[in-house]
Amino acid sequence: MNMDDLEIVNEDWKGNIEKIFEHFKEDISYLYPNNNTEAFLTEIWSESQGAFDKPREIQVVIDANDKLYISVGTPSFVSFDDQEEQLAGMTLPLKCWIHTHPFGVAFFSVTDWRTVHAWESILSSAIVLGNNEYMAYDMNTKIAKKVYYGVLTEAGPEEPEEDDWEAWDYSEAVTEMGEEE
């Protein structure tokens, strides 16, 4: 990424991520994220959305010594290109590779899979962040877990009668619920 194209709105965006990591690092679990891990992930997501001129991908790599390596990219791609100085002192193996998808959906893209496979021998886990969701992947077992989380502010749609259960479309019910408001 050409760093000249990057407009930073919050100069302390990396410091904010590092601060919350330091506060919670003794209790962070990458494979099965807990509340403290989710607080850390939420900070990464928040900086991805608001620290720059537009939402951008951020990646955070945690090394064997719990040191963070952080870079920013475009709205659709992140690497350490033109930010190689961020990698100085990295100790292998890597505990986790975390990155955001600023458009809001947590999934492993084709590019993400290339990265996961390239780092497979030195990486324990990988997490993709979306808007109030993440997908955590265990490199050893190949098991992924997708979680939606956040503050629940209202009830969901009414459940159908038991006879109508099989035909009920939750996403359609949520859409209809939003149209009533």
N, C-alpha and C. Protein backbone atom coordinates (compact mmCIF):
# COMPACT_ATOMS: atom_id res chain seq x y z
N MET A 1 0.85 -1.18 0.00
CA MET A 1 0.00 0.00 0.00
C MET A 1 0.88 1.23 0.00
N ASN A 2 0.52 2.20 -0.80
CA ASN A 2 1.24 3.47 -0.81
C ASN A 2 0.81 4.28 0.41
N MET A 3 1.72 4.47 1.34
CA MET A 3 1.41 5.16 2.59
C MET A 3 1.06 6.63 2.37
N ASP A 4 1.40 7.19 1.20
CA ASP A 4 1.04 8.57 0.89
C ASP A 4 -0.47 8.73 0.70
N ASP A 5 -1.16 7.63 0.38
CA ASP A 5 -2.61 7.66 0.18
C ASP A 5 -3.38 7.52 1.48
N LEU A 6 -2.68 7.33 2.59
CA LEU A 6 -3.32 7.08 3.88
C LEU A 6 -3.54 8.39 4.63
N GLU A 7 -4.81 8.66 4.95
CA GLU A 7 -5.14 9.83 5.77
C GLU A 7 -5.55 9.32 7.15
N ILE A 8 -4.76 9.66 8.16
CA ILE A 8 -5.04 9.20 9.52
C ILE A 8 -5.84 10.26 10.26
N VAL A 9 -6.98 9.87 10.82
CA VAL A 9 -7.84 10.74 11.59
C VAL A 9 -7.48 10.68 13.07
N ASN A 10 -7.13 9.47 13.54
CA ASN A 10 -6.76 9.25 14.94
C ASN A 10 -5.31 8.77 14.99
N GLU A 11 -4.40 9.66 15.30
CA GLU A 11 -2.97 9.34 15.30
C GLU A 11 -2.61 8.25 16.31
N ASP A 12 -3.42 8.06 17.35
CA ASP A 12 -3.10 7.07 18.38
C ASP A 12 -3.83 5.74 18.17
N TRP A 13 -4.21 5.44 16.94
CA TRP A 13 -4.98 4.23 16.68
C TRP A 13 -4.22 2.97 17.10
N LYS A 14 -2.94 2.90 16.81
CA LYS A 14 -2.16 1.73 17.22
C LYS A 14 -2.04 1.68 18.74
N GLY A 15 -1.79 2.82 19.35
CA GLY A 15 -1.68 2.89 20.80
C GLY A 15 -2.95 2.43 21.50
N ASN A 16 -4.10 2.75 20.93
CA ASN A 16 -5.38 2.31 21.50
C ASN A 16 -5.49 0.79 21.48
N ILE A 17 -5.09 0.18 20.37
CA ILE A 17 -5.11 -1.29 20.25
C ILE A 17 -4.13 -1.90 21.25
N GLU A 18 -2.92 -1.35 21.32
CA GLU A 18 -1.90 -1.87 22.23
C GLU A 18 -2.32 -1.73 23.69
N LYS A 19 -2.96 -0.62 24.03
CA LYS A 19 -3.38 -0.37 25.42
C LYS A 19 -4.39 -1.40 25.89
N ILE A 20 -5.40 -1.67 25.09
CA ILE A 20 -6.40 -2.65 25.51
C ILE A 20 -5.81 -4.06 25.52
N PHE A 21 -4.89 -4.35 24.60
CA PHE A 21 -4.22 -5.65 24.61
C PHE A 21 -3.43 -5.82 25.91
N GLU A 22 -2.67 -4.81 26.29
CA GLU A 22 -1.88 -4.89 27.53
C GLU A 22 -2.77 -5.09 28.74
N HIS A 23 -3.92 -4.46 28.72
CA HIS A 23 -4.85 -4.57 29.86
C HIS A 23 -5.41 -5.99 29.99
N PHE A 24 -5.68 -6.65 28.87
CA PHE A 24 -6.35 -7.95 28.89
C PHE A 24 -5.48 -9.13 28.50
N LYS A 25 -4.22 -8.93 28.12
CA LYS A 25 -3.44 -10.00 27.48
C LYS A 25 -3.30 -11.28 28.29
N GLU A 26 -3.34 -11.20 29.59
CA GLU A 26 -3.21 -12.41 30.43
C GLU A 26 -4.43 -13.32 30.30
N ASP A 27 -5.54 -12.79 29.82
CA ASP A 27 -6.78 -13.56 29.76
C ASP A 27 -7.32 -13.71 28.34
N ILE A 28 -6.53 -13.37 27.34
CA ILE A 28 -7.00 -13.46 25.96
C ILE A 28 -6.88 -14.90 25.46
N SER A 29 -7.93 -15.34 24.80
CA SER A 29 -7.99 -16.67 24.21
C SER A 29 -8.35 -16.51 22.74
N TYR A 30 -7.45 -16.89 21.85
CA TYR A 30 -7.68 -16.69 20.42
C TYR A 30 -8.56 -17.76 19.80
N LEU A 31 -8.41 -18.99 20.24
CA LEU A 31 -9.17 -20.07 19.62
C LEU A 31 -10.63 -20.04 20.04
N TYR A 32 -10.89 -19.73 21.28
CA TYR A 32 -12.25 -19.66 21.80
C TYR A 32 -12.39 -18.34 22.54
N PRO A 33 -12.54 -17.22 21.79
CA PRO A 33 -12.53 -15.90 22.41
C PRO A 33 -13.53 -15.75 23.55
N ASN A 34 -13.05 -15.12 24.62
CA ASN A 34 -13.87 -14.82 25.79
C ASN A 34 -14.19 -13.32 25.76
N ASN A 35 -14.83 -12.81 26.82
CA ASN A 35 -15.23 -11.40 26.85
C ASN A 35 -14.04 -10.45 26.73
N ASN A 36 -12.93 -10.76 27.37
CA ASN A 36 -11.76 -9.89 27.28
C ASN A 36 -11.17 -9.91 25.87
N THR A 37 -11.16 -11.07 25.25
CA THR A 37 -10.71 -11.16 23.86
C THR A 37 -11.64 -10.34 22.97
N GLU A 38 -12.94 -10.45 23.21
CA GLU A 38 -13.89 -9.69 22.41
C GLU A 38 -13.71 -8.19 22.59
N ALA A 39 -13.33 -7.75 23.79
CA ALA A 39 -13.04 -6.32 24.01
C ALA A 39 -11.84 -5.90 23.15
N PHE A 40 -10.82 -6.72 23.09
CA PHE A 40 -9.64 -6.46 22.26
C PHE A 40 -10.03 -6.44 20.78
N LEU A 41 -10.80 -7.43 20.34
CA LEU A 41 -11.24 -7.49 18.95
C LEU A 41 -12.10 -6.29 18.60
N THR A 42 -12.95 -5.87 19.52
CA THR A 42 -13.81 -4.71 19.30
C THR A 42 -12.99 -3.44 19.10
N GLU A 43 -11.89 -3.30 19.84
CA GLU A 43 -11.03 -2.13 19.66
C GLU A 43 -10.38 -2.15 18.28
N ILE A 44 -9.92 -3.30 17.84
CA ILE A 44 -9.34 -3.41 16.50
C ILE A 44 -10.39 -3.01 15.46
N TRP A 45 -11.60 -3.55 15.60
CA TRP A 45 -12.68 -3.23 14.68
C TRP A 45 -12.97 -1.72 14.68
N SER A 46 -13.07 -1.16 15.86
CA SER A 46 -13.37 0.27 16.00
C SER A 46 -12.33 1.14 15.29
N GLU A 47 -11.07 0.81 15.47
CA GLU A 47 -10.00 1.58 14.81
C GLU A 47 -10.06 1.39 13.30
N SER A 48 -10.42 0.20 12.86
CA SER A 48 -10.57 -0.07 11.43
C SER A 48 -11.65 0.82 10.81
N GLN A 49 -12.67 1.10 11.58
CA GLN A 49 -13.80 1.89 11.09
C GLN A 49 -13.59 3.40 11.19
N GLY A 50 -12.86 3.86 12.22
CA GLY A 50 -12.86 5.29 12.48
C GLY A 50 -11.52 6.00 12.54
N ALA A 51 -10.42 5.28 12.47
CA ALA A 51 -9.11 5.92 12.65
C ALA A 51 -8.55 6.56 11.39
N PHE A 52 -9.21 6.33 10.25
CA PHE A 52 -8.68 6.78 8.98
C PHE A 52 -9.73 7.55 8.18
N ASP A 53 -9.35 8.02 7.02
CA ASP A 53 -10.24 8.78 6.15
C ASP A 53 -11.46 7.98 5.73
N LYS A 54 -11.35 6.67 5.73
CA LYS A 54 -12.43 5.76 5.38
C LYS A 54 -12.16 4.44 6.08
N PRO A 55 -13.15 3.58 6.22
CA PRO A 55 -12.89 2.27 6.84
C PRO A 55 -11.81 1.52 6.05
N ARG A 56 -10.84 0.97 6.78
CA ARG A 56 -9.71 0.27 6.17
C ARG A 56 -9.43 -1.03 6.91
N GLU A 57 -8.85 -1.99 6.19
CA GLU A 57 -8.42 -3.22 6.84
C GLU A 57 -7.24 -2.92 7.76
N ILE A 58 -7.28 -3.54 8.91
CA ILE A 58 -6.16 -3.51 9.86
C ILE A 58 -5.80 -4.97 10.12
N GLN A 59 -4.51 -5.24 10.27
CA GLN A 59 -4.10 -6.57 10.71
C GLN A 59 -3.24 -6.42 11.96
N VAL A 60 -3.42 -7.38 12.85
CA VAL A 60 -2.65 -7.45 14.08
C VAL A 60 -2.11 -8.87 14.18
N VAL A 61 -0.81 -9.00 14.29
CA VAL A 61 -0.17 -10.29 14.46
C VAL A 61 0.40 -10.34 15.87
N ILE A 62 0.11 -11.41 16.61
CA ILE A 62 0.62 -11.59 17.96
C ILE A 62 1.67 -12.68 17.90
N ASP A 63 2.90 -12.34 18.32
CA ASP A 63 3.99 -13.31 18.23
C ASP A 63 4.08 -14.16 19.49
N ALA A 64 5.08 -15.02 19.54
CA ALA A 64 5.27 -15.95 20.66
C ALA A 64 5.49 -15.24 21.99
N ASN A 65 5.97 -14.00 21.95
CA ASN A 65 6.24 -13.23 23.17
C ASN A 65 5.13 -12.23 23.49
N ASP A 66 3.96 -12.41 22.91
CA ASP A 66 2.83 -11.49 23.09
C ASP A 66 3.16 -10.06 22.69
N LYS A 67 3.93 -9.92 21.63
CA LYS A 67 4.19 -8.60 21.07
C LYS A 67 3.29 -8.43 19.85
N LEU A 68 2.73 -7.23 19.70
CA LEU A 68 1.84 -6.94 18.59
C LEU A 68 2.60 -6.35 17.41
N TYR A 69 2.20 -6.75 16.22
CA TYR A 69 2.70 -6.21 14.95
C TYR A 69 1.47 -5.78 14.17
N ILE A 70 1.35 -4.48 13.91
CA ILE A 70 0.11 -3.91 13.41
C ILE A 70 0.38 -3.15 12.11
N SER A 71 -0.53 -3.34 11.14
CA SER A 71 -0.45 -2.56 9.91
C SER A 71 -1.86 -2.21 9.43
N VAL A 72 -1.92 -1.24 8.54
CA VAL A 72 -3.18 -0.78 7.96
C VAL A 72 -3.09 -0.91 6.45
N GLY A 73 -4.23 -1.12 5.82
CA GLY A 73 -4.26 -1.26 4.37
C GLY A 73 -5.35 -0.42 3.74
N THR A 74 -5.86 -0.93 2.65
CA THR A 74 -6.95 -0.28 1.93
C THR A 74 -8.28 -0.79 2.51
N PRO A 75 -9.40 -0.37 1.96
CA PRO A 75 -10.67 -0.94 2.41
C PRO A 75 -10.82 -2.43 2.09
N SER A 76 -9.97 -2.97 1.21
CA SER A 76 -10.14 -4.38 0.82
C SER A 76 -8.88 -5.23 0.90
N PHE A 77 -7.76 -4.68 1.39
CA PHE A 77 -6.53 -5.47 1.44
C PHE A 77 -5.59 -4.87 2.48
N VAL A 78 -4.88 -5.77 3.19
CA VAL A 78 -3.88 -5.31 4.15
C VAL A 78 -2.67 -6.23 4.06
N SER A 79 -1.49 -5.64 4.18
CA SER A 79 -0.24 -6.39 4.22
C SER A 79 0.75 -5.56 5.02
N PHE A 80 1.98 -6.01 5.06
CA PHE A 80 3.03 -5.22 5.69
C PHE A 80 3.89 -4.52 4.64
N ASP A 81 3.47 -4.55 3.37
CA ASP A 81 4.20 -3.83 2.32
C ASP A 81 4.27 -2.35 2.67
N ASP A 82 5.42 -1.76 2.52
CA ASP A 82 5.69 -0.36 2.87
C ASP A 82 5.55 -0.11 4.38
N GLN A 83 5.41 -1.17 5.16
CA GLN A 83 5.34 -1.05 6.62
C GLN A 83 6.21 -2.13 7.26
N GLU A 84 7.22 -2.60 6.52
CA GLU A 84 8.06 -3.70 6.96
C GLU A 84 8.73 -3.44 8.31
N GLU A 85 8.99 -2.16 8.62
CA GLU A 85 9.63 -1.84 9.91
C GLU A 85 8.79 -2.31 11.08
N GLN A 86 7.50 -2.52 10.85
CA GLN A 86 6.61 -3.01 11.90
C GLN A 86 6.96 -4.44 12.32
N LEU A 87 7.68 -5.17 11.49
CA LEU A 87 7.96 -6.58 11.74
C LEU A 87 9.25 -6.82 12.53
N ALA A 88 10.01 -5.79 12.80
CA ALA A 88 11.29 -5.95 13.49
C ALA A 88 11.11 -6.60 14.86
N GLY A 89 11.86 -7.66 15.11
CA GLY A 89 11.83 -8.34 16.40
C GLY A 89 10.79 -9.42 16.55
N MET A 90 10.05 -9.73 15.51
CA MET A 90 9.00 -10.74 15.61
C MET A 90 9.60 -12.11 15.97
N THR A 91 8.97 -12.80 16.93
CA THR A 91 9.41 -14.11 17.39
C THR A 91 8.39 -15.17 16.99
N LEU A 92 8.87 -16.20 16.34
CA LEU A 92 7.99 -17.30 15.92
C LEU A 92 7.94 -18.38 17.00
N PRO A 93 6.87 -19.16 17.06
CA PRO A 93 5.70 -19.16 16.20
C PRO A 93 4.75 -18.01 16.55
N LEU A 94 3.80 -17.77 15.67
CA LEU A 94 2.81 -16.72 15.87
C LEU A 94 1.59 -17.29 16.57
N LYS A 95 1.10 -16.56 17.56
CA LYS A 95 -0.10 -17.02 18.27
C LYS A 95 -1.36 -16.78 17.46
N CYS A 96 -1.44 -15.60 16.81
CA CYS A 96 -2.66 -15.29 16.08
C CYS A 96 -2.43 -14.22 15.04
N TRP A 97 -3.16 -14.33 13.93
CA TRP A 97 -3.23 -13.30 12.91
C TRP A 97 -4.68 -12.83 12.89
N ILE A 98 -4.89 -11.55 13.16
CA ILE A 98 -6.23 -10.96 13.20
C ILE A 98 -6.29 -9.90 12.11
N HIS A 99 -7.38 -9.86 11.37
CA HIS A 99 -7.57 -8.75 10.44
C HIS A 99 -9.05 -8.46 10.27
N THR A 100 -9.33 -7.25 9.80
CA THR A 100 -10.70 -6.80 9.67
C THR A 100 -11.17 -6.86 8.22
N HIS A 101 -12.47 -6.98 8.07
CA HIS A 101 -13.15 -6.78 6.79
C HIS A 101 -14.08 -5.59 7.02
N PRO A 102 -13.63 -4.38 6.66
CA PRO A 102 -14.38 -3.16 6.99
C PRO A 102 -15.79 -3.09 6.45
N PHE A 103 -16.13 -3.90 5.44
CA PHE A 103 -17.50 -3.90 4.92
C PHE A 103 -18.43 -4.67 5.85
N GLY A 104 -17.89 -5.35 6.89
CA GLY A 104 -18.74 -5.86 7.96
C GLY A 104 -18.94 -7.35 8.07
N VAL A 105 -18.45 -8.15 7.13
CA VAL A 105 -18.72 -9.59 7.18
C VAL A 105 -17.43 -10.36 7.51
N ALA A 106 -17.51 -11.21 8.52
CA ALA A 106 -16.36 -12.02 8.93
C ALA A 106 -16.38 -13.35 8.20
N PHE A 107 -15.43 -13.53 7.28
CA PHE A 107 -15.25 -14.78 6.57
C PHE A 107 -13.83 -14.79 6.03
N PHE A 108 -13.33 -15.97 5.68
CA PHE A 108 -12.00 -16.09 5.11
C PHE A 108 -12.11 -16.05 3.58
N SER A 109 -11.61 -14.96 3.00
CA SER A 109 -11.62 -14.79 1.56
C SER A 109 -10.55 -15.68 0.92
N VAL A 110 -10.51 -15.72 -0.39
CA VAL A 110 -9.48 -16.47 -1.10
C VAL A 110 -8.10 -15.95 -0.72
N THR A 111 -7.95 -14.64 -0.65
CA THR A 111 -6.67 -14.03 -0.25
C THR A 111 -6.32 -14.43 1.18
N ASP A 112 -7.31 -14.43 2.07
CA ASP A 112 -7.07 -14.84 3.46
C ASP A 112 -6.59 -16.28 3.53
N TRP A 113 -7.21 -17.15 2.74
CA TRP A 113 -6.81 -18.56 2.74
C TRP A 113 -5.37 -18.72 2.26
N ARG A 114 -4.98 -17.91 1.28
CA ARG A 114 -3.59 -17.95 0.82
C ARG A 114 -2.64 -17.61 1.97
N THR A 115 -3.00 -16.58 2.73
CA THR A 115 -2.17 -16.17 3.87
C THR A 115 -2.14 -17.27 4.92
N VAL A 116 -3.30 -17.82 5.26
CA VAL A 116 -3.37 -18.89 6.25
C VAL A 116 -2.50 -20.07 5.83
N HIS A 117 -2.59 -20.47 4.57
CA HIS A 117 -1.80 -21.62 4.10
C HIS A 117 -0.31 -21.29 4.05
N ALA A 118 0.04 -20.06 3.71
CA ALA A 118 1.45 -19.67 3.67
C ALA A 118 2.07 -19.67 5.07
N TRP A 119 1.27 -19.32 6.08
CA TRP A 119 1.77 -19.21 7.46
C TRP A 119 1.46 -20.45 8.29
N GLU A 120 0.86 -21.45 7.68
CA GLU A 120 0.36 -22.62 8.40
C GLU A 120 1.36 -23.23 9.39
N SER A 121 2.60 -23.34 9.02
CA SER A 121 3.58 -24.01 9.89
C SER A 121 4.04 -23.14 11.07
N ILE A 122 3.74 -21.85 11.03
CA ILE A 122 4.21 -20.95 12.10
C ILE A 122 3.08 -20.22 12.82
N LEU A 123 1.82 -20.57 12.50
CA LEU A 123 0.66 -19.85 13.02
C LEU A 123 -0.28 -20.80 13.75
N SER A 124 -0.75 -20.38 14.94
CA SER A 124 -1.68 -21.21 15.72
C SER A 124 -3.14 -20.94 15.39
N SER A 125 -3.47 -19.67 15.18
CA SER A 125 -4.87 -19.32 14.94
C SER A 125 -4.98 -18.07 14.09
N ALA A 126 -6.17 -17.88 13.52
CA ALA A 126 -6.45 -16.70 12.71
C ALA A 126 -7.88 -16.25 13.01
N ILE A 127 -8.07 -14.94 13.03
CA ILE A 127 -9.39 -14.37 13.30
C ILE A 127 -9.68 -13.29 12.26
N VAL A 128 -10.88 -13.36 11.68
CA VAL A 128 -11.37 -12.32 10.78
C VAL A 128 -12.48 -11.59 11.51
N LEU A 129 -12.41 -10.25 11.49
CA LEU A 129 -13.41 -9.43 12.17
C LEU A 129 -14.36 -8.78 11.19
N GLY A 130 -15.64 -8.80 11.52
CA GLY A 130 -16.68 -8.05 10.82
C GLY A 130 -17.39 -7.17 11.83
N ASN A 131 -18.51 -6.63 11.47
CA ASN A 131 -19.26 -5.76 12.36
C ASN A 131 -20.01 -6.61 13.40
N ASN A 132 -19.54 -6.57 14.63
CA ASN A 132 -20.11 -7.36 15.73
C ASN A 132 -20.10 -8.86 15.44
N GLU A 133 -19.09 -9.30 14.72
CA GLU A 133 -18.92 -10.73 14.46
C GLU A 133 -17.46 -11.03 14.19
N TYR A 134 -17.10 -12.26 14.45
CA TYR A 134 -15.76 -12.70 14.10
C TYR A 134 -15.79 -14.18 13.78
N MET A 135 -14.78 -14.62 13.03
CA MET A 135 -14.59 -16.03 12.76
C MET A 135 -13.19 -16.37 13.23
N ALA A 136 -13.11 -17.30 14.15
CA ALA A 136 -11.82 -17.75 14.70
C ALA A 136 -11.51 -19.13 14.13
N TYR A 137 -10.27 -19.31 13.68
CA TYR A 137 -9.86 -20.54 13.02
C TYR A 137 -8.67 -21.15 13.74
N ASP A 138 -8.77 -22.42 14.08
CA ASP A 138 -7.70 -23.16 14.74
C ASP A 138 -6.89 -23.88 13.66
N MET A 139 -5.63 -23.50 13.52
CA MET A 139 -4.78 -24.07 12.48
C MET A 139 -4.56 -25.58 12.67
N ASN A 140 -4.53 -26.05 13.90
CA ASN A 140 -4.26 -27.46 14.15
C ASN A 140 -5.45 -28.36 13.85
N THR A 141 -6.63 -27.97 14.30
CA THR A 141 -7.80 -28.82 14.12
C THR A 141 -8.57 -28.50 12.84
N LYS A 142 -8.30 -27.33 12.27
CA LYS A 142 -9.01 -26.83 11.08
C LYS A 142 -10.46 -26.48 11.38
N ILE A 143 -10.77 -26.31 12.66
CA ILE A 143 -12.13 -25.95 13.06
C ILE A 143 -12.24 -24.44 13.14
N ALA A 144 -13.34 -23.92 12.59
CA ALA A 144 -13.63 -22.49 12.65
C ALA A 144 -14.89 -22.28 13.47
N LYS A 145 -14.95 -21.14 14.13
CA LYS A 145 -16.11 -20.79 14.94
C LYS A 145 -16.50 -19.37 14.58
N LYS A 146 -17.75 -19.18 14.14
CA LYS A 146 -18.23 -17.83 13.83
C LYS A 146 -19.15 -17.39 14.96
N VAL A 147 -18.91 -16.18 15.45
CA VAL A 147 -19.66 -15.66 16.58
C VAL A 147 -20.18 -14.27 16.23
N TYR A 148 -21.44 -14.04 16.56
CA TYR A 148 -22.03 -12.71 16.50
C TYR A 148 -22.10 -12.22 17.93
N TYR A 149 -21.68 -10.99 18.18
CA TYR A 149 -21.70 -10.48 19.54
C TYR A 149 -21.95 -8.99 19.52
N GLY A 150 -22.28 -8.46 20.67
CA GLY A 150 -22.52 -7.03 20.79
C GLY A 150 -23.62 -6.78 21.79
N VAL A 151 -24.03 -5.55 21.87
CA VAL A 151 -25.09 -5.15 22.79
C VAL A 151 -26.43 -5.41 22.11
N LEU A 152 -27.28 -6.17 22.77
CA LEU A 152 -28.60 -6.46 22.26
C LEU A 152 -29.54 -5.39 22.79
N THR A 153 -30.17 -4.65 21.89
CA THR A 153 -31.00 -3.53 22.33
C THR A 153 -32.48 -3.74 22.12
N GLU A 154 -32.85 -4.79 21.39
CA GLU A 154 -34.27 -5.04 21.19
C GLU A 154 -34.49 -6.52 20.91
N ALA A 155 -35.73 -6.92 21.09
CA ALA A 155 -36.09 -8.31 20.83
C ALA A 155 -36.09 -8.57 19.34
N GLY A 156 -35.91 -9.83 18.98
CA GLY A 156 -35.99 -10.22 17.59
C GLY A 156 -37.44 -10.42 17.18
N PRO A 157 -37.67 -11.01 16.02
CA PRO A 157 -39.04 -11.23 15.55
C PRO A 157 -39.74 -12.29 16.38
N GLU A 158 -41.06 -12.27 16.33
CA GLU A 158 -41.86 -13.27 17.02
C GLU A 158 -41.65 -14.63 16.35
N GLU A 159 -41.56 -15.68 17.15
CA GLU A 159 -41.43 -17.02 16.59
C GLU A 159 -42.76 -17.48 16.00
N PRO A 160 -42.70 -18.30 14.97
CA PRO A 160 -43.94 -18.80 14.37
C PRO A 160 -44.55 -19.90 15.23
N GLU A 161 -45.78 -20.22 14.92
CA GLU A 161 -46.41 -21.38 15.55
C GLU A 161 -45.65 -22.63 15.13
N GLU A 162 -45.72 -23.68 15.93
CA GLU A 162 -44.95 -24.89 15.67
C GLU A 162 -45.20 -25.47 14.28
N ASP A 163 -46.44 -25.42 13.80
CA ASP A 163 -46.77 -25.96 12.48
C ASP A 163 -46.07 -25.21 11.36
N ASP A 164 -45.71 -23.95 11.58
CA ASP A 164 -45.09 -23.12 10.55
C ASP A 164 -43.57 -23.05 10.68
N TRP A 165 -43.01 -23.77 11.64
CA TRP A 165 -41.58 -23.63 11.95
C TRP A 165 -40.67 -23.91 10.75
N GLU A 166 -40.91 -25.00 10.03
CA GLU A 166 -40.03 -25.37 8.91
C GLU A 166 -40.02 -24.34 7.80
N ALA A 167 -41.12 -23.64 7.58
CA ALA A 167 -41.21 -22.67 6.49
C ALA A 167 -40.76 -21.27 6.91
N TRP A 168 -40.46 -21.08 8.20
CA TRP A 168 -40.13 -19.74 8.71
C TRP A 168 -38.76 -19.31 8.24
N ASP A 169 -38.65 -18.12 7.72
CA ASP A 169 -37.39 -17.55 7.26
C ASP A 169 -37.02 -16.41 8.21
N TYR A 170 -36.04 -16.66 9.07
CA TYR A 170 -35.65 -15.69 10.08
C TYR A 170 -35.24 -14.35 9.45
N SER A 171 -34.41 -14.41 8.42
CA SER A 171 -33.92 -13.15 7.82
C SER A 171 -35.08 -12.35 7.24
N GLU A 172 -36.05 -13.02 6.66
CA GLU A 172 -37.23 -12.33 6.13
C GLU A 172 -38.04 -11.70 7.28
N ALA A 173 -38.16 -12.43 8.38
CA ALA A 173 -38.89 -11.92 9.54
C ALA A 173 -38.21 -10.69 10.12
N VAL A 174 -36.88 -10.69 10.17
CA VAL A 174 -36.14 -9.53 10.68
C VAL A 174 -36.32 -8.34 9.74
N THR A 175 -36.28 -8.59 8.42
CA THR A 175 -36.48 -7.51 7.45
C THR A 175 -37.87 -6.91 7.61
N GLU A 176 -38.88 -7.75 7.72
CA GLU A 176 -40.25 -7.27 7.91
C GLU A 176 -40.38 -6.50 9.20
N MET A 177 -39.69 -6.96 10.25
CA MET A 177 -39.72 -6.27 11.53
C MET A 177 -39.19 -4.84 11.38
N GLY A 178 -38.09 -4.69 10.63
CA GLY A 178 -37.50 -3.38 10.41
C GLY A 178 -38.39 -2.46 9.58
N GLU A 179 -39.18 -3.04 8.68
CA GLU A 179 -40.07 -2.24 7.84
C GLU A 179 -41.25 -1.70 8.62
N GLU A 180 -41.62 -2.37 9.72
CA GLU A 180 -42.75 -1.93 10.54
C GLU A 180 -42.42 -0.68 11.33
N GLU A 181 -41.14 -0.44 11.59
CA GLU A 181 -40.74 0.68 12.44
C GLU A 181 -40.86 2.01 11.74
